[in-house]
Amino acid sequence: MKPLRAHRRPASAAVQRGATLIIGLILLVLITLIVVSAFTLSSSNLKSVGNMQVREEALAAANQAVEQVISSNFTASLAAQTVTVDINKDDTPDYTVAVATPTCTRATRAAFADPSDVELGPDMSAGSTWNTDWDLSATVTDGATGASVRVRQGVRVLLSQSQKAAACP
């Protein structure tokens, strides 16, 4: 009768056990790197989208302030203005816009003045009228994020001779 042989593993099996552990650790490190890079990429994209949103809000605030100045009789008293804008309509000013003093860039005599003009009235349409071109500049700086936006807009205003002489020499 033959003696029972003890179970011995071949030498290659012992080497494979160590290789499996090393390969498992390498795969674990690779998966960790992929997860960390995905997290970093998503957080940088979130910051980028947030910055674009703040910039667009500041741009909308600057445009709203320029429109507010244009809709007033700004040629009567030329001065720099500070306009507060509530973008989200919660009764709290979100942005402060600095509108520079409007600059008259050109004045040309109006080609035709109609005394029966209903929109302008007889004082603006009768007699000598001028097409005046104005340059308006508004700057918004958000203190919280540091976002800064500058908007320049041109507008043409019809002025009488006396208004033109006072506002646009």
C-alpha atoms as a PDB file:
ATOM      1  CA  MET A   1       0.000   0.000   0.000  1.00  0.00           C
ATOM      2  CA  LYS A   2       1.182   3.364  -0.902  1.00  0.00           C
ATOM      3  CA  PRO A   3       1.440   6.049   1.682  1.00  0.00           C
ATOM      4  CA  LEU A   4      -0.996   8.885   1.377  1.00  0.00           C
ATOM      5  CA  ARG A   5       0.494  11.926  -0.122  1.00  0.00           C
ATOM      6  CA  ALA A   6      -0.150  15.203   1.494  1.00  0.00           C
ATOM      7  CA  HIS A   7      -1.885  17.677  -0.697  1.00  0.00           C
ATOM      8  CA  ARG A   8       0.676  19.983  -2.020  1.00  0.00           C
ATOM      9  CA  ARG A   9      -0.067  22.765  -4.332  1.00  0.00           C
ATOM     10  CA  PRO A  10       2.105  23.217  -7.300  1.00  0.00           C
ATOM     11  CA  ALA A  11       4.549  26.144  -7.163  1.00  0.00           C
ATOM     12  CA  SER A  12       2.638  28.042  -9.856  1.00  0.00           C
ATOM     13  CA  ALA A  13      -0.518  28.213  -7.668  1.00  0.00           C
ATOM     14  CA  ALA A  14       1.369  30.007  -4.891  1.00  0.00           C
ATOM     15  CA  VAL A  15       2.636  32.589  -7.367  1.00  0.00           C
ATOM     16  CA  GLN A  16      -0.881  33.109  -8.724  1.00  0.00           C
ATOM     17  CA  ARG A  17      -2.303  33.844  -5.279  1.00  0.00           C
ATOM     18  CA  GLY A  18       0.066  36.776  -4.856  1.00  0.00           C
ATOM     19  CA  ALA A  19      -0.576  38.021  -8.415  1.00  0.00           C
ATOM     20  CA  THR A  20      -4.332  38.053  -7.800  1.00  0.00           C
ATOM     21  CA  LEU A  21      -3.880  40.297  -4.790  1.00  0.00           C
ATOM     22  CA  ILE A  22      -1.635  42.708  -6.696  1.00  0.00           C
ATOM     23  CA  ILE A  23      -3.979  42.844  -9.710  1.00  0.00           C
ATOM     24  CA  GLY A  24      -6.950  43.434  -7.387  1.00  0.00           C
ATOM     25  CA  LEU A  25      -5.128  46.340  -5.695  1.00  0.00           C
ATOM     26  CA  ILE A  26      -4.174  47.868  -9.055  1.00  0.00           C
ATOM     27  CA  LEU A  27      -7.803  47.681 -10.235  1.00  0.00           C
ATOM     28  CA  LEU A  28      -8.985  49.243  -6.985  1.00  0.00           C
ATOM     29  CA  VAL A  29      -6.533  52.145  -7.432  1.00  0.00           C
ATOM     30  CA  LEU A  30      -7.644  52.623 -11.057  1.00  0.00           C
ATOM     31  CA  ILE A  31     -11.325  52.728 -10.085  1.00  0.00           C
ATOM     32  CA  THR A  32     -10.528  55.224  -7.318  1.00  0.00           C
ATOM     33  CA  LEU A  33      -8.668  57.462  -9.792  1.00  0.00           C
ATOM     34  CA  ILE A  34     -11.601  57.351 -12.222  1.00  0.00           C
ATOM     35  CA  VAL A  35     -14.063  58.307  -9.473  1.00  0.00           C
ATOM     36  CA  VAL A  36     -11.839  61.161  -8.231  1.00  0.00           C
ATOM     37  CA  SER A  37     -11.339  62.545 -11.761  1.00  0.00           C
ATOM     38  CA  ALA A  38     -15.096  62.356 -12.464  1.00  0.00           C
ATOM     39  CA  PHE A  39     -15.798  64.251  -9.229  1.00  0.00           C
ATOM     40  CA  THR A  40     -13.196  66.914 -10.066  1.00  0.00           C
ATOM     41  CA  LEU A  41     -14.553  67.326 -13.589  1.00  0.00           C
ATOM     42  CA  SER A  42     -18.151  67.659 -12.396  1.00  0.00           C
ATOM     43  CA  SER A  43     -17.268  70.208  -9.695  1.00  0.00           C
ATOM     44  CA  SER A  44     -15.279  72.349 -12.157  1.00  0.00           C
ATOM     45  CA  ASN A  45     -18.209  72.215 -14.597  1.00  0.00           C
ATOM     46  CA  LEU A  46     -20.526  73.313 -11.796  1.00  0.00           C
ATOM     47  CA  LYS A  47     -18.277  76.282 -11.013  1.00  0.00           C
ATOM     48  CA  SER A  48     -18.151  77.222 -14.697  1.00  0.00           C
ATOM     49  CA  VAL A  49     -21.938  77.126 -15.035  1.00  0.00           C
ATOM     50  CA  GLY A  50     -22.310  79.183 -11.846  1.00  0.00           C
ATOM     51  CA  ASN A  51     -19.885  81.819 -13.163  1.00  0.00           C
ATOM     52  CA  MET A  52     -21.762  82.035 -16.458  1.00  0.00           C
ATOM     53  CA  GLN A  53     -25.050  82.466 -14.592  1.00  0.00           C
ATOM     54  CA  VAL A  54     -23.656  85.324 -12.483  1.00  0.00           C
ATOM     55  CA  ARG A  55     -22.222  86.961 -15.628  1.00  0.00           C
ATOM     56  CA  GLU A  56     -25.538  86.709 -17.467  1.00  0.00           C
ATOM     57  CA  GLU A  57     -27.407  88.156 -14.474  1.00  0.00           C
ATOM     58  CA  ALA A  58     -24.941  91.049 -14.282  1.00  0.00           C
ATOM     59  CA  LEU A  59     -25.335  91.635 -18.018  1.00  0.00           C
ATOM     60  CA  ALA A  60     -29.130  91.676 -17.659  1.00  0.00           C
ATOM     61  CA  ALA A  61     -28.824  94.118 -14.742  1.00  0.00           C
ATOM     62  CA  ALA A  62     -26.604  96.451 -16.794  1.00  0.00           C
ATOM     63  CA  ASN A  63     -29.005  96.348 -19.744  1.00  0.00           C
ATOM     64  CA  GLN A  64     -31.968  97.014 -17.461  1.00  0.00           C
ATOM     65  CA  ALA A  65     -30.197 100.031 -15.938  1.00  0.00           C
ATOM     66  CA  VAL A  66     -29.320 101.428 -19.377  1.00  0.00           C
ATOM     67  CA  GLU A  67     -32.929 101.002 -20.500  1.00  0.00           C
ATOM     68  CA  GLN A  68     -34.120 102.774 -17.362  1.00  0.00           C
ATOM     69  CA  VAL A  69     -31.820 105.729 -18.064  1.00  0.00           C
ATOM     70  CA  ILE A  70     -32.804 105.852 -21.735  1.00  0.00           C
ATOM     71  CA  SER A  71     -36.507 105.837 -20.877  1.00  0.00           C
ATOM     72  CA  SER A  72     -36.051 108.900 -18.663  1.00  0.00           C
ATOM     73  CA  ASN A  73     -35.357 112.404 -19.926  1.00  0.00           C
ATOM     74  CA  PHE A  74     -31.618 111.934 -19.457  1.00  0.00           C
ATOM     75  CA  THR A  75     -30.664 114.774 -21.825  1.00  0.00           C
ATOM     76  CA  ALA A  76     -32.236 117.337 -19.477  1.00  0.00           C
ATOM     77  CA  SER A  77     -29.632 116.773 -16.761  1.00  0.00           C
ATOM     78  CA  LEU A  78     -26.535 114.933 -17.891  1.00  0.00           C
ATOM     79  CA  ALA A  79     -24.910 113.195 -14.940  1.00  0.00           C
ATOM     80  CA  ALA A  80     -23.591 109.816 -13.896  1.00  0.00           C
ATOM     81  CA  GLN A  81     -26.164 107.679 -12.126  1.00  0.00           C
ATOM     82  CA  THR A  82     -26.211 104.686  -9.839  1.00  0.00           C
ATOM     83  CA  VAL A  83     -29.105 102.330 -10.444  1.00  0.00           C
ATOM     84  CA  THR A  84     -30.026  99.375  -8.234  1.00  0.00           C
ATOM     85  CA  VAL A  85     -31.552  96.379  -9.980  1.00  0.00           C
ATOM     86  CA  ASP A  86     -33.632  93.586  -8.477  1.00  0.00           C
ATOM     87  CA  ILE A  87     -33.135  90.700 -10.910  1.00  0.00           C
ATOM     88  CA  ASN A  88     -35.111  88.026  -9.072  1.00  0.00           C
ATOM     89  CA  LYS A  89     -37.987  90.371  -8.039  1.00  0.00           C
ATOM     90  CA  ASP A  90     -37.748  89.707  -4.292  1.00  0.00           C
ATOM     91  CA  ASP A  91     -37.779  93.432  -3.376  1.00  0.00           C
ATOM     92  CA  THR A  92     -34.076  93.325  -2.506  1.00  0.00           C
ATOM     93  CA  PRO A  93     -31.559  94.996  -4.850  1.00  0.00           C
ATOM     94  CA  ASP A  94     -29.281  92.329  -6.310  1.00  0.00           C
ATOM     95  CA  TYR A  95     -26.923  94.510  -8.352  1.00  0.00           C
ATOM     96  CA  THR A  96     -25.746  98.095  -8.263  1.00  0.00           C
ATOM     97  CA  VAL A  97     -25.080  99.503 -11.723  1.00  0.00           C
ATOM     98  CA  ALA A  98     -22.881 102.541 -12.316  1.00  0.00           C
ATOM     99  CA  VAL A  99     -24.093 104.371 -15.425  1.00  0.00           C
ATOM    100  CA  ALA A 100     -21.539 106.874 -16.685  1.00  0.00           C
ATOM    101  CA  THR A 101     -22.516 110.328 -17.895  1.00  0.00           C
ATOM    102  CA  PRO A 102     -24.125 109.938 -21.341  1.00  0.00           C
ATOM    103  CA  THR A 103     -21.967 111.329 -24.127  1.00  0.00           C
ATOM    104  CA  CYS A 104     -23.346 113.046 -27.210  1.00  0.00           C
ATOM    105  CA  THR A 105     -21.381 111.658 -30.136  1.00  0.00           C
ATOM    106  CA  ARG A 106     -23.126 113.366 -33.032  1.00  0.00           C
ATOM    107  CA  ALA A 107     -25.942 115.743 -33.874  1.00  0.00           C
ATOM    108  CA  THR A 108     -27.492 116.087 -37.302  1.00  0.00           C
ATOM    109  CA  ARG A 109     -30.415 118.220 -38.379  1.00  0.00           C
ATOM    110  CA  ALA A 110     -33.572 116.129 -38.766  1.00  0.00           C
ATOM    111  CA  ALA A 111     -34.567 115.766 -42.386  1.00  0.00           C
ATOM    112  CA  PHE A 112     -38.252 116.415 -41.881  1.00  0.00           C
ATOM    113  CA  ALA A 113     -40.333 117.791 -39.043  1.00  0.00           C
ATOM    114  CA  ASP A 114     -44.057 117.130 -39.133  1.00  0.00           C
ATOM    115  CA  PRO A 115     -46.108 119.599 -37.051  1.00  0.00           C
ATOM    116  CA  SER A 116     -48.976 117.113 -36.855  1.00  0.00           C
ATOM    117  CA  ASP A 117     -46.821 114.425 -35.210  1.00  0.00           C
ATOM    118  CA  VAL A 118     -48.968 112.976 -32.425  1.00  0.00           C
ATOM    119  CA  GLU A 119     -46.207 111.014 -30.667  1.00  0.00           C
ATOM    120  CA  LEU A 120     -43.686 113.808 -30.317  1.00  0.00           C
ATOM    121  CA  GLY A 121     -46.046 116.718 -29.903  1.00  0.00           C
ATOM    122  CA  PRO A 122     -45.763 120.137 -31.560  1.00  0.00           C
ATOM    123  CA  ASP A 123     -42.816 121.356 -29.445  1.00  0.00           C
ATOM    124  CA  MET A 124     -40.606 118.468 -30.622  1.00  0.00           C
ATOM    125  CA  SER A 125     -41.764 118.136 -34.204  1.00  0.00           C
ATOM    126  CA  ALA A 126     -42.265 121.743 -35.252  1.00  0.00           C
ATOM    127  CA  GLY A 127     -39.377 123.981 -36.143  1.00  0.00           C
ATOM    128  CA  SER A 128     -35.761 122.907 -36.097  1.00  0.00           C
ATOM    129  CA  THR A 129     -35.153 119.422 -34.687  1.00  0.00           C
ATOM    130  CA  TRP A 130     -31.963 117.431 -34.318  1.00  0.00           C
ATOM    131  CA  ASN A 131     -31.161 113.746 -34.353  1.00  0.00           C
ATOM    132  CA  THR A 132     -28.618 113.328 -31.572  1.00  0.00           C
ATOM    133  CA  ASP A 133     -26.641 110.116 -31.067  1.00  0.00           C
ATOM    134  CA  TRP A 134     -25.677 109.223 -27.511  1.00  0.00           C
ATOM    135  CA  ASP A 135     -23.249 106.723 -26.043  1.00  0.00           C
ATOM    136  CA  LEU A 136     -24.209 105.183 -22.678  1.00  0.00           C
ATOM    137  CA  SER A 137     -21.923 102.977 -20.622  1.00  0.00           C
ATOM    138  CA  ALA A 138     -22.947 100.892 -17.606  1.00  0.00           C
ATOM    139  CA  THR A 139     -20.686  98.850 -15.332  1.00  0.00           C
ATOM    140  CA  VAL A 140     -21.770  96.159 -12.889  1.00  0.00           C
ATOM    141  CA  THR A 141     -19.440  94.561 -10.352  1.00  0.00           C
ATOM    142  CA  ASP A 142     -20.767  91.812  -8.126  1.00  0.00           C
ATOM    143  CA  GLY A 143     -19.072  92.020  -4.747  1.00  0.00           C
ATOM    144  CA  ALA A 144     -19.806  88.407  -3.821  1.00  0.00           C
ATOM    145  CA  THR A 145     -18.339  86.749  -6.906  1.00  0.00           C
ATOM    146  CA  GLY A 146     -16.151  89.474  -8.386  1.00  0.00           C
ATOM    147  CA  ALA A 147     -17.963  89.264 -11.734  1.00  0.00           C
ATOM    148  CA  SER A 148     -17.709  92.512 -13.668  1.00  0.00           C
ATOM    149  CA  VAL A 149     -19.619  93.441 -16.802  1.00  0.00           C
ATOM    150  CA  ARG A 150     -19.515  96.616 -18.896  1.00  0.00           C
ATOM    151  CA  VAL A 151     -22.258  97.394 -21.392  1.00  0.00           C
ATOM    152  CA  ARG A 152     -22.132 100.142 -23.998  1.00  0.00           C
ATOM    153  CA  GLN A 153     -25.229 101.124 -25.870  1.00  0.00           C
ATOM    154  CA  GLY A 154     -26.029 103.806 -28.389  1.00  0.00           C
ATOM    155  CA  VAL A 155     -29.328 105.593 -28.702  1.00  0.00           C
ATOM    156  CA  ARG A 156     -30.691 108.287 -30.982  1.00  0.00           C
ATOM    157  CA  VAL A 157     -32.787 111.024 -29.407  1.00  0.00           C
ATOM    158  CA  LEU A 158     -34.741 113.692 -31.252  1.00  0.00           C
ATOM    159  CA  LEU A 159     -34.134 117.099 -29.614  1.00  0.00           C
ATOM    160  CA  SER A 160     -35.323 120.607 -30.312  1.00  0.00           C
ATOM    161  CA  GLN A 161     -32.805 123.324 -31.158  1.00  0.00           C
ATOM    162  CA  SER A 162     -32.745 124.647 -27.577  1.00  0.00           C
ATOM    163  CA  GLN A 163     -32.431 121.175 -26.048  1.00  0.00           C
ATOM    164  CA  LYS A 164     -29.671 120.305 -28.487  1.00  0.00           C
ATOM    165  CA  ALA A 165     -27.774 123.484 -27.663  1.00  0.00           C
ATOM    166  CA  ALA A 166     -27.970 122.728 -23.947  1.00  0.00           C
ATOM    167  CA  ALA A 167     -27.187 118.995 -24.033  1.00  0.00           C
ATOM    168  CA  CYS A 168     -25.154 118.363 -27.166  1.00  0.00           C
ATOM    169  CA  PRO A 169     -22.993 121.348 -28.111  1.00  0.00           C
END
